Amino acid sequence: SVVAGLDGGVKRLSEINMGLAAIFMVFLLLAG
């Protein structure tokens, strides 16, 4: 990821992770 740089690595991974984390949280909210 470091080799990919800020736009190619950190930004993309952050957006993917935040999207998945939001889905994870919403599921627990609705199922709990």
PDB file of all heavy atoms in Angstrom:
ATOM      1  N   SER A   1       0.824  -1.203   0.000  1.00  0.00           N
ATOM      2  CA  SER A   1       0.000   0.000   0.000  1.00  0.00           C
ATOM      3  C   SER A   1       0.862   1.258   0.000  1.00  0.00           C
ATOM      4  O   SER A   1       0.535   2.249  -0.653  1.00  0.00           O
ATOM      5  CB  SER A   1      -0.929  -0.004   1.227  1.00  0.00           C
ATOM      6  OG  SER A   1      -1.703   1.166   1.279  1.00  0.00           O
ATOM      7  N   VAL A   2       1.980   1.209   0.734  1.00  0.00           N
ATOM      8  CA  VAL A   2       2.902   2.345   0.783  1.00  0.00           C
ATOM      9  C   VAL A   2       3.446   2.631  -0.606  1.00  0.00           C
ATOM     10  O   VAL A   2       3.547   3.790  -1.036  1.00  0.00           O
ATOM     11  CB  VAL A   2       4.051   2.052   1.763  1.00  0.00           C
ATOM     12  CG1 VAL A   2       5.212   3.014   1.530  1.00  0.00           C
ATOM     13  CG2 VAL A   2       3.562   2.187   3.190  1.00  0.00           C
ATOM     14  N   VAL A   3       3.800   1.582  -1.334  1.00  0.00           N
ATOM     15  CA  VAL A   3       4.340   1.743  -2.686  1.00  0.00           C
ATOM     16  C   VAL A   3       3.304   2.381  -3.604  1.00  0.00           C
ATOM     17  O   VAL A   3       3.624   3.188  -4.471  1.00  0.00           O
ATOM     18  CB  VAL A   3       4.801   0.384  -3.240  1.00  0.00           C
ATOM     19  CG1 VAL A   3       5.201   0.507  -4.714  1.00  0.00           C
ATOM     20  CG2 VAL A   3       5.970  -0.157  -2.433  1.00  0.00           C
ATOM     21  N   ALA A   4       2.009   2.050  -3.380  1.00  0.00           N
ATOM     22  CA  ALA A   4       0.939   2.586  -4.218  1.00  0.00           C
ATOM     23  C   ALA A   4       0.727   4.080  -4.012  1.00  0.00           C
ATOM     24  O   ALA A   4       0.190   4.759  -4.884  1.00  0.00           O
ATOM     25  CB  ALA A   4      -0.361   1.835  -3.939  1.00  0.00           C
ATOM     26  N   GLY A   5       1.144   4.619  -2.854  1.00  0.00           N
ATOM     27  CA  GLY A   5       1.044   6.052  -2.610  1.00  0.00           C
ATOM     28  C   GLY A   5      -0.247   6.463  -1.935  1.00  0.00           C
ATOM     29  O   GLY A   5      -1.112   5.629  -1.631  1.00  0.00           O
ATOM     30  N   LEU A   6      -0.419   7.781  -1.706  1.00  0.00           N
ATOM     31  CA  LEU A   6      -1.556   8.312  -0.956  1.00  0.00           C
ATOM     32  C   LEU A   6      -2.876   8.081  -1.679  1.00  0.00           C
ATOM     33  O   LEU A   6      -3.844   7.595  -1.105  1.00  0.00           O
ATOM     34  CB  LEU A   6      -1.355   9.808  -0.697  1.00  0.00           C
ATOM     35  CG  LEU A   6      -2.405  10.496   0.175  1.00  0.00           C
ATOM     36  CD1 LEU A   6      -2.419   9.895   1.559  1.00  0.00           C
ATOM     37  CD2 LEU A   6      -2.131  11.988   0.241  1.00  0.00           C
ATOM     38  N   ASP A   7      -2.940   8.421  -2.966  1.00  0.00           N
ATOM     39  CA  ASP A   7      -4.193   8.276  -3.703  1.00  0.00           C
ATOM     40  C   ASP A   7      -4.496   6.818  -4.021  1.00  0.00           C
ATOM     41  O   ASP A   7      -5.615   6.353  -3.874  1.00  0.00           O
ATOM     42  CB  ASP A   7      -4.139   9.083  -5.010  1.00  0.00           C
ATOM     43  CG  ASP A   7      -4.228  10.577  -4.751  1.00  0.00           C
ATOM     44  OD1 ASP A   7      -5.133  10.977  -4.024  1.00  0.00           O
ATOM     45  OD2 ASP A   7      -3.382  11.327  -5.252  1.00  0.00           O
ATOM     46  N   GLY A   8      -3.475   6.088  -4.477  1.00  0.00           N
ATOM     47  CA  GLY A   8      -3.704   4.716  -4.873  1.00  0.00           C
ATOM     48  C   GLY A   8      -3.830   3.760  -3.714  1.00  0.00           C
ATOM     49  O   GLY A   8      -4.496   2.732  -3.818  1.00  0.00           O
ATOM     50  N   GLY A   9      -3.175   4.049  -2.574  1.00  0.00           N
ATOM     51  CA  GLY A   9      -3.186   3.130  -1.446  1.00  0.00           C
ATOM     52  C   GLY A   9      -4.074   3.577  -0.312  1.00  0.00           C
ATOM     53  O   GLY A   9      -5.147   3.016  -0.079  1.00  0.00           O
ATOM     54  N   VAL A  10      -3.635   4.606   0.424  1.00  0.00           N
ATOM     55  CA  VAL A  10      -4.325   5.020   1.643  1.00  0.00           C
ATOM     56  C   VAL A  10      -5.762   5.446   1.367  1.00  0.00           C
ATOM     57  O   VAL A  10      -6.695   5.008   2.045  1.00  0.00           O
ATOM     58  CB  VAL A  10      -3.549   6.170   2.328  1.00  0.00           C
ATOM     59  CG1 VAL A  10      -4.263   6.602   3.593  1.00  0.00           C
ATOM     60  CG2 VAL A  10      -2.126   5.749   2.632  1.00  0.00           C
ATOM     61  N   LYS A  11      -5.964   6.290   0.377  1.00  0.00           N
ATOM     62  CA  LYS A  11      -7.308   6.797   0.103  1.00  0.00           C
ATOM     63  C   LYS A  11      -8.261   5.662  -0.261  1.00  0.00           C
ATOM     64  O   LYS A  11      -9.367   5.552   0.279  1.00  0.00           O
ATOM     65  CB  LYS A  11      -7.252   7.820  -1.032  1.00  0.00           C
ATOM     66  CG  LYS A  11      -8.623   8.356  -1.438  1.00  0.00           C
ATOM     67  CD  LYS A  11      -8.522   9.258  -2.647  1.00  0.00           C
ATOM     68  CE  LYS A  11      -9.912   9.669  -3.133  1.00  0.00           C
ATOM     69  NZ  LYS A  11      -9.840  10.484  -4.360  1.00  0.00           N
ATOM     70  N   ARG A  12      -7.837   4.792  -1.166  1.00  0.00           N
ATOM     71  CA  ARG A  12      -8.714   3.716  -1.617  1.00  0.00           C
ATOM     72  C   ARG A  12      -9.034   2.741  -0.491  1.00  0.00           C
ATOM     73  O   ARG A  12     -10.182   2.350  -0.293  1.00  0.00           O
ATOM     74  CB  ARG A  12      -8.044   2.986  -2.789  1.00  0.00           C
ATOM     75  CG  ARG A  12      -8.941   1.972  -3.477  1.00  0.00           C
ATOM     76  CD  ARG A  12      -8.285   1.475  -4.747  1.00  0.00           C
ATOM     77  NE  ARG A  12      -8.005   2.590  -5.656  1.00  0.00           N
ATOM     78  CZ  ARG A  12      -7.218   2.491  -6.746  1.00  0.00           C
ATOM     79  NH1 ARG A  12      -6.649   1.335  -7.024  1.00  0.00           N
ATOM     80  NH2 ARG A  12      -7.026   3.533  -7.520  1.00  0.00           N
ATOM     81  N   LEU A  13      -8.018   2.349   0.264  1.00  0.00           N
ATOM     82  CA  LEU A  13      -8.243   1.431   1.374  1.00  0.00           C
ATOM     83  C   LEU A  13      -9.143   2.050   2.438  1.00  0.00           C
ATOM     84  O   LEU A  13      -9.996   1.377   3.025  1.00  0.00           O
ATOM     85  CB  LEU A  13      -6.904   1.018   1.997  1.00  0.00           C
ATOM     86  CG  LEU A  13      -6.103  -0.047   1.242  1.00  0.00           C
ATOM     87  CD1 LEU A  13      -4.743  -0.240   1.902  1.00  0.00           C
ATOM     88  CD2 LEU A  13      -6.854  -1.370   1.190  1.00  0.00           C
ATOM     89  N   SER A  14      -8.944   3.351   2.717  1.00  0.00           N
ATOM     90  CA  SER A  14      -9.765   4.030   3.716  1.00  0.00           C
ATOM     91  C   SER A  14     -11.229   4.034   3.312  1.00  0.00           C
ATOM     92  O   SER A  14     -12.124   3.786   4.130  1.00  0.00           O
ATOM     93  CB  SER A  14      -9.268   5.465   3.927  1.00  0.00           C
ATOM     94  OG  SER A  14      -7.957   5.487   4.445  1.00  0.00           O
ATOM     95  N   GLU A  15     -11.498   4.321   2.041  1.00  0.00           N
ATOM     96  CA  GLU A  15     -12.876   4.377   1.578  1.00  0.00           C
ATOM     97  C   GLU A  15     -13.522   2.988   1.617  1.00  0.00           C
ATOM     98  O   GLU A  15     -14.680   2.832   2.035  1.00  0.00           O
ATOM     99  CB  GLU A  15     -12.920   4.953   0.161  1.00  0.00           C
ATOM    100  CG  GLU A  15     -12.561   6.442   0.103  1.00  0.00           C
ATOM    101  CD  GLU A  15     -12.510   6.971  -1.314  1.00  0.00           C
ATOM    102  OE1 GLU A  15     -12.273   6.166  -2.244  1.00  0.00           O
ATOM    103  OE2 GLU A  15     -12.698   8.185  -1.503  1.00  0.00           O
ATOM    104  N   ILE A  16     -12.767   1.949   1.193  1.00  0.00           N
ATOM    105  CA  ILE A  16     -13.293   0.584   1.238  1.00  0.00           C
ATOM    106  C   ILE A  16     -13.587   0.174   2.682  1.00  0.00           C
ATOM    107  O   ILE A  16     -14.644  -0.388   2.996  1.00  0.00           O
ATOM    108  CB  ILE A  16     -12.288  -0.403   0.597  1.00  0.00           C
ATOM    109  CG1 ILE A  16     -12.180  -0.146  -0.905  1.00  0.00           C
ATOM    110  CG2 ILE A  16     -12.701  -1.849   0.865  1.00  0.00           C
ATOM    111  CD1 ILE A  16     -11.089  -0.943  -1.586  1.00  0.00           C
ATOM    112  N   ASN A  17     -12.637   0.484   3.562  1.00  0.00           N
ATOM    113  CA  ASN A  17     -12.786   0.077   4.952  1.00  0.00           C
ATOM    114  C   ASN A  17     -13.949   0.793   5.633  1.00  0.00           C
ATOM    115  O   ASN A  17     -14.711   0.184   6.393  1.00  0.00           O
ATOM    116  CB  ASN A  17     -11.488   0.365   5.711  1.00  0.00           C
ATOM    117  CG  ASN A  17     -11.176  -0.706   6.722  1.00  0.00           C
ATOM    118  OD1 ASN A  17     -11.452  -1.879   6.484  1.00  0.00           O
ATOM    119  ND2 ASN A  17     -10.603  -0.332   7.846  1.00  0.00           N
ATOM    120  N   MET A  18     -14.097   2.086   5.374  1.00  0.00           N
ATOM    121  CA  MET A  18     -15.193   2.829   5.988  1.00  0.00           C
ATOM    122  C   MET A  18     -16.545   2.333   5.477  1.00  0.00           C
ATOM    123  O   MET A  18     -17.516   2.226   6.230  1.00  0.00           O
ATOM    124  CB  MET A  18     -15.037   4.326   5.697  1.00  0.00           C
ATOM    125  CG  MET A  18     -13.937   5.010   6.498  1.00  0.00           C
ATOM    126  SD  MET A  18     -14.223   4.979   8.291  1.00  0.00           S
ATOM    127  CE  MET A  18     -13.185   3.611   8.758  1.00  0.00           C
ATOM    128  N   GLY A  19     -16.618   1.992   4.183  1.00  0.00           N
ATOM    129  CA  GLY A  19     -17.868   1.471   3.646  1.00  0.00           C
ATOM    130  C   GLY A  19     -18.234   0.139   4.270  1.00  0.00           C
ATOM    131  O   GLY A  19     -19.392  -0.087   4.665  1.00  0.00           O
ATOM    132  N   LEU A  20     -17.263  -0.758   4.374  1.00  0.00           N
ATOM    133  CA  LEU A  20     -17.513  -2.065   4.970  1.00  0.00           C
ATOM    134  C   LEU A  20     -17.827  -1.944   6.459  1.00  0.00           C
ATOM    135  O   LEU A  20     -18.705  -2.650   6.979  1.00  0.00           O
ATOM    136  CB  LEU A  20     -16.296  -2.971   4.760  1.00  0.00           C
ATOM    137  CG  LEU A  20     -16.455  -4.437   5.181  1.00  0.00           C
ATOM    138  CD1 LEU A  20     -17.622  -5.080   4.449  1.00  0.00           C
ATOM    139  CD2 LEU A  20     -15.167  -5.207   4.922  1.00  0.00           C
ATOM    140  N   ALA A  21     -17.113  -1.043   7.155  1.00  0.00           N
ATOM    141  CA  ALA A  21     -17.375  -0.835   8.586  1.00  0.00           C
ATOM    142  C   ALA A  21     -18.792  -0.310   8.807  1.00  0.00           C
ATOM    143  O   ALA A  21     -19.472  -0.711   9.758  1.00  0.00           O
ATOM    144  CB  ALA A  21     -16.354   0.143   9.171  1.00  0.00           C
ATOM    145  N   ALA A  22     -19.252   0.570   7.921  1.00  0.00           N
ATOM    146  CA  ALA A  22     -20.611   1.104   8.038  1.00  0.00           C
ATOM    147  C   ALA A  22     -21.645  -0.004   7.856  1.00  0.00           C
ATOM    148  O   ALA A  22     -22.634  -0.082   8.599  1.00  0.00           O
ATOM    149  CB  ALA A  22     -20.830   2.211   7.007  1.00  0.00           C
ATOM    150  N   ILE A  23     -21.425  -0.890   6.873  1.00  0.00           N
ATOM    151  CA  ILE A  23     -22.341  -2.010   6.659  1.00  0.00           C
ATOM    152  C   ILE A  23     -22.353  -2.934   7.874  1.00  0.00           C
ATOM    153  O   ILE A  23     -23.410  -3.394   8.331  1.00  0.00           O
ATOM    154  CB  ILE A  23     -21.931  -2.785   5.385  1.00  0.00           C
ATOM    155  CG1 ILE A  23     -22.105  -1.891   4.148  1.00  0.00           C
ATOM    156  CG2 ILE A  23     -22.748  -4.065   5.248  1.00  0.00           C
ATOM    157  CD1 ILE A  23     -21.548  -2.500   2.871  1.00  0.00           C
ATOM    158  N   PHE A  24     -21.159  -3.211   8.406  1.00  0.00           N
ATOM    159  CA  PHE A  24     -21.014  -4.062   9.586  1.00  0.00           C
ATOM    160  C   PHE A  24     -21.793  -3.479  10.764  1.00  0.00           C
ATOM    161  O   PHE A  24     -22.556  -4.181  11.444  1.00  0.00           O
ATOM    162  CB  PHE A  24     -19.521  -4.163   9.908  1.00  0.00           C
ATOM    163  CG  PHE A  24     -19.159  -5.152  10.978  1.00  0.00           C
ATOM    164  CD1 PHE A  24     -19.873  -6.325  11.149  1.00  0.00           C
ATOM    165  CD2 PHE A  24     -18.078  -4.921  11.814  1.00  0.00           C
ATOM    166  CE1 PHE A  24     -19.527  -7.251  12.127  1.00  0.00           C
ATOM    167  CE2 PHE A  24     -17.717  -5.827  12.791  1.00  0.00           C
ATOM    168  CZ  PHE A  24     -18.448  -6.997  12.954  1.00  0.00           C
ATOM    169  N   MET A  25     -21.644  -2.189  10.993  1.00  0.00           N
ATOM    170  CA  MET A  25     -22.300  -1.532  12.122  1.00  0.00           C
ATOM    171  C   MET A  25     -23.820  -1.501  11.945  1.00  0.00           C
ATOM    172  O   MET A  25     -24.573  -1.781  12.896  1.00  0.00           O
ATOM    173  CB  MET A  25     -21.762  -0.106  12.279  1.00  0.00           C
ATOM    174  CG  MET A  25     -22.350   0.660  13.450  1.00  0.00           C
ATOM    175  SD  MET A  25     -21.777   2.363  13.520  1.00  0.00           S
ATOM    176  CE  MET A  25     -22.603   3.051  12.073  1.00  0.00           C
ATOM    177  N   VAL A  26     -24.270  -1.170  10.739  1.00  0.00           N
ATOM    178  CA  VAL A  26     -25.711  -1.096  10.488  1.00  0.00           C
ATOM    179  C   VAL A  26     -26.360  -2.465  10.666  1.00  0.00           C
ATOM    180  O   VAL A  26     -27.473  -2.587  11.211  1.00  0.00           O
ATOM    181  CB  VAL A  26     -25.986  -0.533   9.075  1.00  0.00           C
ATOM    182  CG1 VAL A  26     -27.460  -0.672   8.717  1.00  0.00           C
ATOM    183  CG2 VAL A  26     -25.562   0.928   9.002  1.00  0.00           C
ATOM    184  N   PHE A  27     -25.673  -3.522  10.220  1.00  0.00           N
ATOM    185  CA  PHE A  27     -26.229  -4.870  10.399  1.00  0.00           C
ATOM    186  C   PHE A  27     -26.405  -5.198  11.878  1.00  0.00           C
ATOM    187  O   PHE A  27     -27.452  -5.709  12.288  1.00  0.00           O
ATOM    188  CB  PHE A  27     -25.322  -5.907   9.743  1.00  0.00           C
ATOM    189  CG  PHE A  27     -25.797  -7.325   9.954  1.00  0.00           C
ATOM    190  CD1 PHE A  27     -26.780  -7.868   9.139  1.00  0.00           C
ATOM    191  CD2 PHE A  27     -25.271  -8.107  10.978  1.00  0.00           C
ATOM    192  CE1 PHE A  27     -27.233  -9.166   9.336  1.00  0.00           C
ATOM    193  CE2 PHE A  27     -25.719  -9.405  11.189  1.00  0.00           C
ATOM    194  CZ  PHE A  27     -26.710  -9.932  10.365  1.00  0.00           C
ATOM    195  N   LEU A  28     -25.386  -4.904  12.697  1.00  0.00           N
ATOM    196  CA  LEU A  28     -25.493  -5.170  14.135  1.00  0.00           C
ATOM    197  C   LEU A  28     -26.594  -4.329  14.772  1.00  0.00           C
ATOM    198  O   LEU A  28     -27.292  -4.781  15.680  1.00  0.00           O
ATOM    199  CB  LEU A  28     -24.156  -4.899  14.824  1.00  0.00           C
ATOM    200  CG  LEU A  28     -23.001  -5.844  14.502  1.00  0.00           C
ATOM    201  CD1 LEU A  28     -21.772  -5.491  15.334  1.00  0.00           C
ATOM    202  CD2 LEU A  28     -23.390  -7.292  14.753  1.00  0.00           C
ATOM    203  N   LEU A  29     -26.743  -3.091  14.277  1.00  0.00           N
ATOM    204  CA  LEU A  29     -27.793  -2.217  14.806  1.00  0.00           C
ATOM    205  C   LEU A  29     -29.177  -2.809  14.532  1.00  0.00           C
ATOM    206  O   LEU A  29     -30.055  -2.826  15.412  1.00  0.00           O
ATOM    207  CB  LEU A  29     -27.675  -0.826  14.182  1.00  0.00           C
ATOM    208  CG  LEU A  29     -28.789   0.176  14.501  1.00  0.00           C
ATOM    209  CD1 LEU A  29     -28.822   0.480  15.998  1.00  0.00           C
ATOM    210  CD2 LEU A  29     -28.605   1.454  13.698  1.00  0.00           C
ATOM    211  N   LEU A  30     -29.384  -3.321  13.316  1.00  0.00           N
ATOM    212  CA  LEU A  30     -30.688  -3.843  12.937  1.00  0.00           C
ATOM    213  C   LEU A  30     -30.929  -5.245  13.492  1.00  0.00           C
ATOM    214  O   LEU A  30     -32.056  -5.584  13.875  1.00  0.00           O
ATOM    215  CB  LEU A  30     -30.823  -3.861  11.405  1.00  0.00           C
ATOM    216  CG  LEU A  30     -30.743  -2.494  10.719  1.00  0.00           C
ATOM    217  CD1 LEU A  30     -30.840  -2.656   9.211  1.00  0.00           C
ATOM    218  CD2 LEU A  30     -31.836  -1.562  11.226  1.00  0.00           C
ATOM    219  N   ALA A  31     -29.870  -6.065  13.541  1.00  0.00           N
ATOM    220  CA  ALA A  31     -30.022  -7.441  14.034  1.00  0.00           C
ATOM    221  C   ALA A  31     -30.016  -7.511  15.552  1.00  0.00           C
ATOM    222  O   ALA A  31     -30.491  -8.484  16.137  1.00  0.00           O
ATOM    223  CB  ALA A  31     -28.905  -8.322  13.473  1.00  0.00           C
ATOM    224  N   GLY A  32     -29.482  -6.479  16.214  1.00  0.00           N
ATOM    225  CA  GLY A  32     -29.392  -6.465  17.659  1.00  0.00           C
ATOM    226  C   GLY A  32     -30.555  -5.720  18.298  1.00  0.00           C
ATOM    227  O   GLY A  32     -31.596  -5.496  17.668  1.00  0.00           O
TER     228      GLY A  32
END
